[in-house]
Protein backbone atom coordinates (compact mmCIF):
# COMPACT_ATOMS: atom_id res chain seq x y z
CA MET A 1 87.68 -69.28 1.66
CA SER A 2 87.53 -69.47 5.44
CA ASN A 3 86.55 -72.47 7.47
CA ASN A 4 83.15 -70.93 7.95
CA ASN A 5 82.41 -71.30 4.24
CA LYS A 6 83.54 -74.88 3.79
CA ASN A 7 81.12 -77.72 3.41
CA ALA A 8 80.43 -79.70 6.51
CA ASP A 9 82.50 -82.84 6.90
CA LYS A 10 80.74 -85.69 8.57
CA GLY A 11 82.55 -88.02 10.85
CA ASP A 12 80.77 -90.59 13.01
CA GLY A 13 77.59 -88.56 12.69
CA VAL A 14 79.23 -85.42 14.08
CA PHE A 15 79.50 -82.26 11.97
CA LYS A 16 83.05 -80.92 12.35
CA VAL A 17 82.32 -77.31 11.46
CA LEU A 18 84.24 -74.97 13.71
CA PRO A 19 84.51 -71.19 13.72
CA SER A 20 87.78 -69.81 12.52
CA GLY A 21 89.91 -67.99 15.03
CA ASN A 22 88.44 -67.34 18.43
CA GLY A 23 85.01 -68.31 19.58
CA ASN A 24 83.60 -64.84 19.05
CA ASP A 25 84.08 -64.83 15.24
CA ASN A 26 80.60 -66.11 14.58
CA SER A 27 78.79 -63.56 16.74
CA SER A 28 80.87 -60.71 15.31
CA PHE A 29 80.13 -61.84 11.75
CA VAL A 30 76.38 -62.02 12.35
CA THR A 31 76.46 -58.66 14.13
CA ARG A 32 78.28 -57.15 11.16
CA LEU A 33 75.67 -58.67 8.86
CA ALA A 34 72.84 -57.09 10.88
CA LEU A 35 74.58 -53.70 11.02
CA ILE A 36 75.21 -53.59 7.27
CA ALA A 37 71.63 -54.61 6.47
CA SER A 38 70.32 -52.09 9.00
CA MET A 39 71.99 -49.30 7.05
CA SER A 40 68.96 -49.44 4.74
CA GLY A 41 66.99 -48.16 7.74
CA LEU A 42 69.62 -45.46 8.18
CA LEU A 43 69.01 -44.37 4.57
CA PHE A 44 65.27 -44.21 5.21
CA GLY A 45 65.81 -42.17 8.36
CA TYR A 46 68.37 -39.89 6.74
CA ASP A 47 66.00 -38.98 3.92
CA THR A 48 63.20 -38.33 6.41
CA GLY A 49 65.38 -36.08 8.55
CA VAL A 50 67.28 -34.28 5.81
CA VAL A 51 64.19 -33.04 3.98
CA SER A 52 63.00 -31.35 7.17
CA GLY A 53 66.05 -29.09 7.23
CA ALA A 54 66.71 -28.78 3.50
CA ILE A 55 63.17 -27.80 2.56
CA ILE A 56 63.31 -24.39 4.27
CA PHE A 57 66.28 -23.46 2.05
CA ILE A 58 64.75 -25.03 -1.06
CA GLN A 59 61.60 -22.96 -0.56
CA SER A 60 63.51 -19.69 -0.56
CA GLN A 61 65.89 -20.65 -3.38
CA MET A 62 63.14 -21.89 -5.72
CA GLY A 63 60.58 -19.23 -4.84
CA LEU A 64 58.12 -21.62 -3.19
CA MET A 65 57.36 -19.64 -0.04
CA GLU A 66 53.75 -19.09 -1.15
CA GLU A 67 53.34 -22.45 -2.90
CA PRO A 68 52.59 -25.00 -0.15
CA PHE A 69 51.26 -27.62 -2.56
CA LEU A 70 54.49 -27.61 -4.60
CA VAL A 71 56.45 -28.07 -1.38
CA GLU A 72 54.16 -30.96 -0.41
CA ILE A 73 54.91 -32.57 -3.79
CA ILE A 74 58.65 -32.43 -3.09
CA VAL A 75 58.17 -34.13 0.28
CA SER A 76 55.43 -36.63 -0.57
CA SER A 77 56.73 -37.77 -3.98
CA THR A 78 59.27 -39.91 -2.15
CA ILE A 79 56.53 -41.55 -0.09
CA LEU A 80 54.37 -42.34 -3.12
CA SER A 81 57.35 -43.81 -4.95
CA ALA A 82 58.31 -45.85 -1.88
CA ALA A 83 54.77 -47.20 -1.61
CA ILE A 84 54.81 -48.41 -5.22
CA ALA A 85 58.28 -49.95 -4.86
CA ALA A 86 57.29 -51.69 -1.63
CA ALA A 87 54.11 -53.06 -3.23
CA TYR A 88 56.06 -54.77 -6.03
CA GLY A 89 59.36 -55.26 -4.24
CA HIS A 90 58.45 -58.76 -3.07
CA ILE A 91 58.65 -59.94 -6.70
CA LEU A 92 62.26 -58.80 -6.94
CA MET A 93 63.07 -60.18 -3.48
CA ASP A 94 61.72 -63.62 -4.39
CA ARG A 95 63.35 -63.76 -7.83
CA LYS A 96 66.74 -62.16 -7.19
CA GLY A 97 67.05 -62.42 -3.44
CA ARG A 98 67.02 -60.15 -0.40
CA LYS A 99 70.71 -59.32 -0.66
CA ALA A 100 70.51 -58.42 -4.36
CA THR A 101 67.47 -56.24 -3.67
CA LEU A 102 69.34 -54.33 -0.95
CA VAL A 103 72.37 -53.83 -3.21
CA LEU A 104 70.08 -52.52 -5.96
CA ALA A 105 68.37 -50.22 -3.45
CA SER A 106 71.78 -48.81 -2.45
CA ILE A 107 72.65 -48.12 -6.09
CA ILE A 108 69.29 -46.43 -6.70
CA PHE A 109 69.73 -44.32 -3.56
CA VAL A 110 73.15 -43.13 -4.76
CA VAL A 111 71.70 -42.17 -8.15
CA GLY A 112 68.75 -40.37 -6.55
CA SER A 113 70.98 -38.46 -4.13
CA VAL A 114 73.21 -37.25 -6.97
CA VAL A 115 70.18 -36.20 -9.04
CA MET A 116 68.79 -34.17 -6.12
CA ALA A 117 72.14 -32.53 -5.44
CA MET A 118 72.52 -31.55 -9.10
CA ALA A 119 68.92 -30.37 -9.56
CA GLY A 120 68.81 -27.40 -11.93
CA LEU A 121 72.57 -27.29 -12.53
CA VAL A 122 73.93 -27.16 -16.07
CA ASN A 123 77.74 -27.15 -16.27
CA GLY A 124 77.79 -26.18 -12.61
CA VAL A 125 75.49 -23.20 -13.11
CA GLU A 126 71.89 -22.99 -11.89
CA SER A 127 69.24 -23.05 -14.61
CA THR A 128 65.50 -23.50 -14.98
CA GLY A 129 63.99 -26.92 -14.42
CA GLY A 130 65.50 -27.39 -10.99
CA TYR A 131 62.14 -28.09 -9.36
CA VAL A 132 61.25 -30.90 -11.76
CA THR A 133 64.70 -32.46 -11.47
CA LEU A 134 64.49 -32.30 -7.68
CA VAL A 135 61.13 -34.10 -7.69
CA VAL A 136 62.54 -36.74 -10.06
CA GLY A 137 65.44 -37.29 -7.65
CA ARG A 138 63.00 -37.59 -4.75
CA ILE A 139 61.03 -40.21 -6.69
CA VAL A 140 64.20 -42.20 -7.41
CA VAL A 141 65.22 -42.11 -3.75
CA GLY A 142 61.70 -43.17 -2.78
CA ALA A 143 62.00 -46.31 -4.90
CA ALA A 144 65.19 -47.21 -3.03
CA ILE A 145 63.52 -46.62 0.33
CA GLY A 146 60.52 -48.76 -0.61
CA LEU A 147 62.73 -51.69 -1.61
CA ALA A 148 65.08 -51.37 1.37
CA SER A 149 62.36 -50.93 4.01
CA ASP A 150 61.00 -54.40 3.21
CA ALA A 151 64.18 -56.25 2.23
CA GLY A 152 66.29 -54.99 5.15
CA PRO A 153 64.26 -56.36 8.08
CA LEU A 154 63.48 -59.54 6.11
CA TYR A 155 67.14 -60.24 5.36
CA ILE A 156 68.10 -59.65 8.99
CA SER A 157 65.31 -61.87 10.36
CA GLU A 158 66.20 -64.70 7.97
CA CYS A 159 69.93 -64.61 8.81
CA ALA A 160 69.93 -63.81 12.53
CA PRO A 161 70.07 -66.63 15.10
CA PRO A 162 66.58 -67.32 16.51
CA LYS A 163 67.51 -66.12 20.01
CA LEU A 164 68.86 -62.84 18.64
CA ARG A 165 66.29 -62.27 15.90
CA GLY A 166 64.19 -59.83 17.91
CA SER A 167 67.19 -57.75 19.00
CA PHE A 168 68.74 -57.66 15.54
CA THR A 169 65.45 -56.79 13.85
CA THR A 170 65.08 -53.94 16.34
CA LEU A 171 68.33 -52.55 14.92
CA PHE A 172 66.46 -51.57 11.77
CA ASN A 173 63.97 -49.42 13.69
CA VAL A 174 66.77 -47.87 15.73
CA ALA A 175 68.71 -47.22 12.50
CA VAL A 176 65.73 -45.35 11.03
CA VAL A 177 65.57 -42.96 13.98
CA GLY A 178 69.36 -42.82 14.17
CA GLY A 179 69.42 -41.76 10.52
CA GLN A 180 66.97 -38.98 11.34
CA VAL A 181 69.20 -37.73 14.15
CA VAL A 182 72.30 -37.80 11.93
CA ALA A 183 70.48 -36.00 9.11
CA CYS A 184 69.21 -33.30 11.43
CA ILE A 185 72.69 -32.64 12.83
CA VAL A 186 74.17 -32.60 9.31
CA CYS A 187 71.52 -30.09 8.21
CA ALA A 188 72.19 -27.90 11.24
CA LEU A 189 75.95 -27.85 10.58
CA LEU A 190 75.58 -27.22 6.85
CA SER A 191 72.97 -24.51 7.39
CA TYR A 192 75.79 -22.01 8.00
CA LEU A 193 76.96 -22.42 4.40
CA PRO A 194 75.49 -20.20 1.65
CA PRO A 195 71.85 -21.20 0.96
CA THR A 196 72.51 -21.38 -2.76
CA TYR A 197 74.16 -24.77 -2.35
CA ASN A 198 73.94 -25.95 1.30
CA TRP A 199 70.73 -27.90 0.63
CA ARG A 200 72.44 -29.66 -2.29
CA ILE A 201 75.16 -30.98 0.01
CA MET A 202 72.53 -32.03 2.58
CA LEU A 203 70.68 -34.11 0.01
CA GLY A 204 73.79 -35.39 -1.77
CA LEU A 205 75.46 -36.73 1.39
CA GLY A 206 72.85 -39.49 1.50
CA ALA A 207 74.91 -41.25 -1.16
CA LEU A 208 77.73 -41.98 1.33
CA PRO A 209 75.95 -44.51 3.60
CA ALA A 210 74.40 -46.07 0.49
CA LEU A 211 77.87 -46.60 -0.98
CA LEU A 212 79.12 -48.06 2.31
CA GLN A 213 76.22 -50.49 2.44
CA MET A 214 76.78 -51.54 -1.17
CA ILE A 215 80.44 -52.28 -0.46
CA GLY A 216 79.61 -54.06 2.80
CA PHE A 217 77.25 -56.48 1.09
CA VAL A 218 80.11 -57.84 -1.02
CA THR A 219 81.26 -59.91 1.97
CA LEU A 220 77.80 -61.11 3.05
CA PRO A 221 75.99 -64.31 1.98
CA PRO A 222 72.50 -64.55 0.50
CA SER A 223 69.60 -65.38 2.80
CA PRO A 224 69.33 -69.13 3.53
CA THR A 225 65.55 -68.84 3.38
CA TRP A 226 65.71 -67.42 -0.13
CA LEU A 227 68.07 -70.20 -1.19
CA LEU A 228 65.53 -72.74 0.06
CA LEU A 229 62.82 -70.93 -1.90
CA GLN A 230 64.95 -71.46 -5.01
CA GLY A 231 65.38 -75.17 -4.24
CA ARG A 232 69.09 -74.72 -3.49
CA LYS A 233 69.13 -76.64 -0.22
CA ASP A 234 72.85 -77.50 -0.25
CA GLU A 235 73.78 -73.83 -0.64
CA ALA A 236 71.29 -72.89 2.08
CA GLU A 237 72.95 -75.38 4.42
CA ARG A 238 76.42 -74.00 3.64
CA VAL A 239 75.28 -70.44 4.32
CA LEU A 240 73.58 -71.45 7.54
CA ARG A 241 76.79 -73.17 8.67
CA GLN A 242 78.69 -70.01 7.85
CA ILE A 243 76.50 -67.93 10.16
CA ARG A 244 75.94 -70.62 12.81
CA PRO A 245 79.37 -72.36 13.22
CA LEU A 246 79.71 -71.54 16.92
CA VAL A 247 76.44 -73.33 17.65
CA VAL A 248 77.62 -76.39 15.73
CA SER A 249 81.01 -76.46 17.47
CA GLN A 250 79.27 -76.34 20.85
CA ALA A 251 77.09 -79.27 19.78
CA VAL A 252 80.24 -81.18 18.75
CA ALA A 253 81.87 -80.53 22.13
CA ALA A 254 78.75 -81.57 24.02
CA LYS A 255 78.46 -84.75 21.98
CA SER A 256 82.11 -85.59 22.60
CA VAL A 257 81.64 -85.30 26.36
CA ASN A 258 78.49 -87.41 26.25
CA ARG A 259 80.26 -90.13 24.28
CA ASP A 260 83.13 -90.28 26.77
CA GLN A 261 80.62 -90.70 29.60
CA ASP A 262 78.53 -93.19 27.67
CA GLY A 263 81.63 -95.25 26.84
CA GLN A 264 82.39 -95.78 30.53
CA GLU A 265 78.80 -96.63 31.41
CA THR A 266 78.23 -99.16 28.61
CA GLU A 267 81.19 -101.44 29.36
CA ASN A 268 79.05 -103.50 31.75
CA SER A 269 75.69 -103.08 30.01
CA SER A 270 73.65 -105.94 28.56
CA VAL A 271 73.15 -106.65 24.85
CA SER A 272 69.60 -105.38 25.00
CA ASP A 273 70.75 -102.17 26.65
CA SER A 274 73.36 -101.75 23.92
CA GLN A 275 70.74 -102.16 21.23
CA THR A 276 68.57 -99.58 22.95
CA GLU A 277 71.50 -97.18 23.19
CA VAL A 278 72.34 -97.67 19.51
CA ALA A 279 68.78 -96.72 18.59
CA SER A 280 68.95 -93.76 20.93
CA ASN A 281 72.30 -92.64 19.52
CA GLU A 282 70.92 -92.85 15.98
CA HIS A 283 68.13 -90.54 17.08
CA ASP A 284 70.63 -88.23 18.80
CA ASP A 285 72.79 -88.14 15.66
CA HIS A 286 69.76 -86.96 13.75
CA ASP A 287 68.90 -84.31 16.30
CA GLU A 288 72.41 -83.25 17.29
CA ASP A 289 73.03 -80.99 14.28
CA PRO A 290 71.29 -77.68 15.05
CA VAL A 291 71.88 -76.42 11.52
CA LEU A 292 69.87 -79.21 9.91
CA HIS A 293 67.22 -78.79 12.58
CA GLU A 294 66.91 -75.07 11.83
CA LEU A 295 66.98 -75.74 8.09
CA ASN A 296 64.06 -78.14 8.44
CA GLU A 297 62.15 -75.59 10.53
CA ILE A 298 62.63 -72.96 7.83
CA GLN A 299 61.43 -75.41 5.18
CA ASP A 300 58.35 -76.20 7.26
CA GLU A 301 57.55 -72.47 7.54
CA LEU A 302 57.94 -72.07 3.77
CA ASP A 303 55.66 -75.04 3.15
CA THR A 304 53.06 -73.55 5.50
CA ALA A 305 53.25 -70.19 3.74
CA LYS A 306 52.98 -71.90 0.35
CA ALA A 307 49.85 -73.72 1.50
CA GLY A 308 48.09 -70.39 2.03
CA SER A 309 49.51 -68.61 -1.02
CA HIS A 310 46.49 -69.54 -3.17
CA VAL A 311 44.17 -67.49 -0.95
CA GLY A 312 43.92 -63.86 -2.07
CA LEU A 313 43.18 -60.81 0.05
CA TRP A 314 39.59 -60.53 -1.15
CA LYS A 315 38.87 -64.11 -0.12
CA LEU A 316 40.48 -63.52 3.28
CA TRP A 317 38.27 -60.48 3.87
CA ARG A 318 35.14 -62.23 2.65
CA SER A 319 35.43 -65.82 3.90
CA TYR A 320 37.88 -65.87 6.82
CA PRO A 321 36.34 -63.95 9.75
CA THR A 322 39.18 -64.78 12.15
CA VAL A 323 41.78 -63.43 9.74
CA ARG A 324 39.54 -60.49 8.87
CA ARG A 325 39.45 -59.35 12.49
CA ALA A 326 43.23 -59.56 12.68
CA MET A 327 43.60 -57.61 9.43
CA ILE A 328 41.30 -54.87 10.72
CA LEU A 329 43.54 -54.49 13.75
CA GLY A 330 46.82 -54.62 11.81
CA CYS A 331 45.71 -52.09 9.21
CA SER A 332 44.16 -49.82 11.86
CA LEU A 333 47.39 -49.72 13.86
CA TRP A 334 49.40 -48.59 10.86
CA ALA A 335 46.80 -46.07 9.73
CA VAL A 336 46.45 -44.46 13.16
CA SER A 337 50.21 -44.32 13.70
CA GLN A 338 50.48 -42.14 10.59
CA LEU A 339 47.23 -40.17 10.94
CA ALA A 340 48.46 -39.12 14.39
CA GLY A 341 50.60 -36.66 12.43
CA ILE A 342 54.03 -38.11 13.17
CA ASN A 343 55.42 -37.37 9.73
CA THR A 344 54.29 -33.77 9.78
CA ILE A 345 57.00 -33.24 12.37
CA MET A 346 59.40 -35.68 10.69
CA TYR A 347 59.17 -34.01 7.28
CA TYR A 348 58.28 -30.45 8.26
CA GLY A 349 59.89 -30.17 11.70
CA ALA A 350 62.10 -27.18 10.90
CA SER A 351 59.24 -25.49 9.04
CA ILE A 352 56.93 -25.92 12.05
CA VAL A 353 59.56 -24.51 14.41
CA LYS A 354 60.01 -21.62 12.00
CA LYS A 355 56.25 -20.94 12.18
CA THR A 356 56.48 -20.54 15.95
CA GLY A 357 58.91 -17.64 15.54
CA ILE A 358 61.05 -18.88 18.42
CA ALA A 359 64.27 -18.41 16.44
CA ASP A 360 63.29 -14.99 15.12
CA GLY A 361 64.11 -15.90 11.51
CA ASN A 362 67.38 -17.74 12.22
CA LYS A 363 67.05 -20.85 10.04
CA SER A 364 70.08 -22.56 11.57
CA PHE A 365 68.57 -22.23 15.03
CA ASP A 366 65.26 -23.57 13.69
CA ILE A 367 67.06 -26.72 12.57
CA TRP A 368 69.07 -27.12 15.78
CA ILE A 369 65.81 -27.04 17.76
CA THR A 370 64.57 -30.05 15.78
CA VAL A 371 67.56 -32.23 16.78
CA PRO A 372 66.06 -33.07 20.21
CA LEU A 373 62.83 -34.11 18.45
CA PHE A 374 64.48 -37.12 16.87
CA VAL A 375 66.52 -37.86 19.99
CA MET A 376 63.34 -37.91 22.08
CA GLN A 377 61.70 -40.40 19.73
CA LEU A 378 64.76 -42.64 19.91
CA PHE A 379 64.62 -42.45 23.71
CA GLY A 380 60.91 -43.33 23.61
CA ILE A 381 61.60 -46.40 21.47
CA PHE A 382 64.19 -47.64 23.98
CA VAL A 383 61.64 -47.14 26.77
CA CYS A 384 59.08 -49.10 24.77
CA TYR A 385 61.35 -52.10 24.33
CA ALA A 386 62.14 -52.00 28.04
CA ILE A 387 58.48 -52.09 29.16
CA ILE A 388 56.48 -53.80 26.41
CA ASP A 389 57.04 -57.36 27.66
CA ARG A 390 56.48 -56.29 31.28
CA MET A 391 53.42 -54.08 30.93
CA GLY A 392 51.93 -55.83 27.91
CA ARG A 393 50.77 -54.54 24.54
CA ARG A 394 47.48 -52.91 25.58
CA PRO A 395 48.80 -50.79 28.49
CA THR A 396 51.86 -49.70 26.49
CA LEU A 397 49.72 -48.70 23.51
CA PHE A 398 47.13 -46.82 25.57
CA VAL A 399 49.73 -44.95 27.63
CA SER A 400 51.44 -43.89 24.43
CA MET A 401 48.22 -42.81 22.70
CA THR A 402 47.04 -40.83 25.72
CA LEU A 403 50.33 -38.95 25.93
CA VAL A 404 50.27 -38.41 22.16
CA TRP A 405 46.87 -36.71 22.03
CA ILE A 406 47.65 -34.63 25.12
CA SER A 407 50.88 -33.38 23.55
CA LEU A 408 49.10 -32.68 20.24
CA LEU A 409 46.56 -30.55 22.09
CA PHE A 410 49.39 -28.58 23.70
CA ILE A 411 51.10 -28.08 20.32
CA GLY A 412 47.84 -26.65 19.00
CA LEU A 413 47.37 -24.58 22.14
CA GLY A 414 50.88 -23.18 21.79
CA PHE A 415 50.08 -21.96 18.30
CA ALA A 416 46.65 -20.66 19.39
CA ILE A 417 47.99 -18.48 22.20
CA ASP A 418 51.28 -17.67 20.42
CA ALA A 419 53.50 -19.43 22.97
CA PRO A 420 56.57 -20.69 21.03
CA LEU A 421 58.23 -22.35 24.03
CA LEU A 422 55.07 -24.33 24.82
CA THR A 423 54.76 -25.43 21.19
CA VAL A 424 58.36 -26.62 20.94
CA ALA A 425 58.29 -28.36 24.34
CA ALA A 426 55.06 -30.13 23.39
CA MET A 427 56.65 -31.24 20.10
CA TRP A 428 59.56 -32.77 21.99
CA PHE A 429 57.20 -34.58 24.35
CA TYR A 430 55.04 -35.70 21.42
CA LEU A 431 57.99 -37.48 19.78
CA PHE A 432 58.84 -39.23 23.05
CA ALA A 433 55.21 -40.30 23.59
CA PHE A 434 54.97 -41.60 20.03
CA GLY A 435 58.16 -43.62 20.41
CA VAL A 436 56.88 -45.28 23.60
CA GLY A 437 54.11 -47.16 21.80
CA LEU A 438 52.62 -45.93 18.53
CA SER A 439 56.01 -46.11 16.83
CA THR A 440 56.68 -49.77 17.58
CA MET A 441 53.29 -51.40 18.25
CA PRO A 442 52.30 -51.69 14.57
CA TYR A 443 55.52 -53.64 13.90
CA THR A 444 55.10 -55.83 16.97
CA MET A 445 51.44 -56.76 16.60
CA ASN A 446 51.47 -57.20 12.83
CA ALA A 447 54.23 -59.75 13.30
CA GLU A 448 52.20 -61.92 15.69
CA ILE A 449 48.45 -61.67 15.00
CA TYR A 450 48.21 -63.44 11.62
CA PRO A 451 48.14 -67.20 10.91
CA SER A 452 51.47 -68.37 9.47
CA GLU A 453 50.03 -69.41 6.12
CA TYR A 454 48.57 -65.94 5.47
CA ARG A 455 51.12 -63.77 7.28
CA GLY A 456 52.96 -62.65 4.16
CA VAL A 457 49.96 -61.24 2.31
CA CYS A 458 48.48 -59.74 5.49
CA VAL A 459 51.68 -57.94 6.46
CA ALA A 460 52.09 -56.68 2.89
CA GLN A 461 48.57 -55.26 3.02
CA ALA A 462 49.21 -53.55 6.36
CA THR A 463 52.47 -52.11 5.03
CA GLY A 464 50.54 -50.72 2.07
CA ILE A 465 48.20 -48.97 4.52
CA PHE A 466 51.25 -47.50 6.25
CA TRP A 467 52.60 -45.99 3.04
CA ALA A 468 49.17 -44.76 1.92
CA SER A 469 48.49 -43.06 5.28
CA ASN A 470 52.00 -41.63 5.32
CA PHE A 471 51.43 -40.15 1.86
CA VAL A 472 48.06 -38.65 2.80
CA VAL A 473 49.54 -36.86 5.81
CA SER A 474 52.66 -35.60 4.04
CA VAL A 475 50.78 -34.32 0.97
CA THR A 476 48.09 -32.46 2.94
CA PHE A 477 49.80 -30.96 6.00
CA LEU A 478 50.76 -27.53 4.67
CA SER A 479 47.42 -27.13 2.89
CA LEU A 480 45.51 -28.14 6.03
CA ALA A 481 47.59 -25.75 8.13
CA ARG A 482 46.66 -22.94 5.76
CA ALA A 483 42.96 -23.92 5.74
CA LEU A 484 42.51 -24.77 9.45
CA SER A 485 45.35 -22.65 10.93
CA ASN A 486 48.51 -24.03 12.52
CA ALA A 487 46.60 -24.76 15.72
CA GLY A 488 43.63 -26.33 13.97
CA VAL A 489 45.59 -28.98 12.11
CA PHE A 490 47.13 -30.30 15.36
CA PHE A 491 43.74 -30.25 17.08
CA LEU A 492 42.53 -32.39 14.16
CA TYR A 493 45.32 -34.93 14.69
CA ALA A 494 44.55 -35.00 18.43
CA GLY A 495 40.90 -35.75 17.69
CA ILE A 496 41.87 -38.64 15.42
CA VAL A 497 44.03 -40.17 18.16
CA ILE A 498 41.30 -39.79 20.82
CA VAL A 499 38.68 -41.52 18.65
CA SER A 500 41.21 -44.21 17.71
CA GLU A 501 42.05 -44.92 21.34
CA VAL A 502 38.39 -45.65 22.06
CA TRP A 503 38.29 -47.86 18.95
CA PHE A 504 41.41 -49.76 20.04
CA TYR A 505 39.98 -50.30 23.53
CA PHE A 506 37.50 -52.73 21.99
CA LEU A 507 39.77 -53.99 19.21
CA VAL A 508 43.22 -54.69 20.67
CA PRO A 509 43.73 -57.93 22.63
CA GLU A 510 46.53 -58.53 25.12
CA THR A 511 49.02 -60.89 23.46
CA LYS A 512 51.72 -60.76 26.12
CA GLY A 513 53.05 -64.23 26.93
CA LEU A 514 50.78 -66.04 24.45
CA SER A 515 51.86 -68.41 21.71
CA LEU A 516 51.00 -67.56 18.11
CA HIS A 517 48.30 -70.24 18.21
CA GLU A 518 46.74 -68.71 21.30
CA ILE A 519 46.88 -65.22 19.80
CA GLN A 520 44.97 -66.37 16.73
CA GLY A 521 42.36 -67.87 19.03
CA LEU A 522 41.70 -64.41 20.46
CA PHE A 523 40.28 -63.35 17.11
CA GLN A 524 37.74 -66.15 16.96
CA CYS A 525 34.10 -65.52 17.79
CA GLU A 526 32.42 -67.73 20.41
CA ASP A 527 31.14 -70.33 17.93
CA GLU A 528 34.51 -70.60 16.21
CA ARG A 529 36.23 -70.76 19.58
CA SER A 530 34.01 -73.61 20.76
CA LEU A 531 34.60 -75.61 17.59
CA ALA A 532 38.35 -75.05 17.87
CA SER A 533 38.29 -76.26 21.48
CA ILE A 534 36.39 -79.42 20.47
CA ASP A 535 38.86 -80.18 17.69
CA GLU A 536 41.84 -79.65 19.98
CA HIS A 537 40.27 -81.83 22.65
CA LYS A 538 39.82 -84.65 20.14
CA GLU A 539 43.43 -84.33 19.01
CA THR A 540 44.82 -84.26 22.56
CA TYR A 541 42.43 -86.66 24.34
CA GLY A 542 44.22 -88.44 27.13
CA THR A 543 47.04 -85.88 27.22
CA VAL A 544 47.55 -82.40 28.53
CA GLU A 545 45.65 -80.08 26.21
CA PHE A 546 47.67 -77.28 24.67
CA GLY A 547 46.94 -74.21 22.57
CA SER A 548 44.21 -72.76 24.76
CA VAL A 549 42.63 -69.80 23.06
CA ARG A 550 42.21 -68.01 26.39
CA SER A 551 44.69 -65.71 27.98
CA ALA A 552 47.37 -67.09 30.25
CA GLU A 553 45.65 -65.97 33.43
CA ASP A 554 42.02 -66.21 34.50
CA PRO A 555 39.81 -67.20 31.51
CA ALA A 556 37.08 -64.86 32.67
CA ASP A 557 39.49 -61.94 32.84
CA ALA A 558 40.89 -62.83 29.43
CA GLU A 559 37.38 -62.89 28.01
CA SER A 560 36.62 -59.40 29.28
CA SER A 561 39.95 -57.78 28.43
CA ASN A 562 40.56 -59.42 25.04
CA ARG A 563 37.40 -58.33 23.31
CA ILE A 564 37.55 -58.18 19.53
CA VAL A 565 35.06 -56.26 17.41
């Protein structure tokens, strides 16, 4: 076992835990941890992207060209399965751990990928029953996605250093879109193979990253937060020292320098000064170990969450108006992000391009045209992370939504006037516009608008809305396109986004630069806000009052811009 895994030795109040090798070992280890855990996002993205290309070959091979509902079942069965797995996945994560859940998800994904690839084959020969087997494989893969989509970001956030938590958690979102890009390119390359088996290889290749993730987790520790949940504090401390040794070594070096300086200064000090310094040093020895400090912070967060665990969702909706307003926003963000039609293009991208006729029946070209779709969304996400903390949440969201409904109108217009180039160009721009705000804002705001003690149940509820909305869109798109026309269905999505933007104008506050306490204050009504101010004033009388519920700038401006329904 390396030095990173050894128990901390105490000497004169200083923890002598040093990183093995060079000073970069710790950062490289944590980065590797985040990359391996983020592969669960890659699996999610790969499945999303691969079905877009594979489905056009599956339709022809299984005789489903005139059976849109059966095609919708193939696509949406994964989403329904993922929703169920995500709803109950927290039980497994709490009992067996985040790491164990991710390993299990990898195993399930491998099994599901093999089942899909072998659908309808008996002794290597195609037979009847392929459709049912394919749907079963999609359901199995969906269970893996549901488990991994929750456990992956949670494991990363609980293991990453606080200063890098945001960046490392972002890796998961990037991995999802990256997986879509990889899947689309794989589908395009494999599309030149005979259609009798090219779709099988497309679906089966998803087992490779799942196997790599499963192997990678062998070298990774369990989450320190989960260990604390199990009452295994000593193990949690050892794990935290394994992933934070560089921080501890820096604290040791700083303490050593301070002691050398203090030793010179105290030679001529008085007895009373020495006693004061001893008391101060005892306090410093308690505070000098950043690992114990972080461990105590994690325990405090768990205690806070436990304090609110007895309050169910129904009680929060009925008796907690401040939380209710936040839940309305969080659930609305997820619902609108899906009802904007994003997954129609994610799941049916190649089919939509095929409908335009731009490739004149060339399925390979149809798939190649979809590659820039996923690249544009990835580019939009990078733009979002570059501007969100500068522009703020509200402007970023509204710019994104405006561009989204404009591009949806042009997609519909392209179909209406039979202009394939306009349709495809609008699809590319739509993915970019979605990535700029609607793709990331639900994650960002759901992470910051809820009180700590209720955050877990509120986020779980919002995630459930995400899966439900995702399922509704994926299971109805082809049927709606047949009923309303290809143009009509995109006009419908545009109308939803326009109405939602008006709704969000009155619902979404600006949370840029505010503490979590201040953000929660934005969801209070005037009476609640006044009472909160009185209580805070009593607690901070004679000191500088903190935790103002107003925005960081002019209170009057904050009052007008941060209106909550």
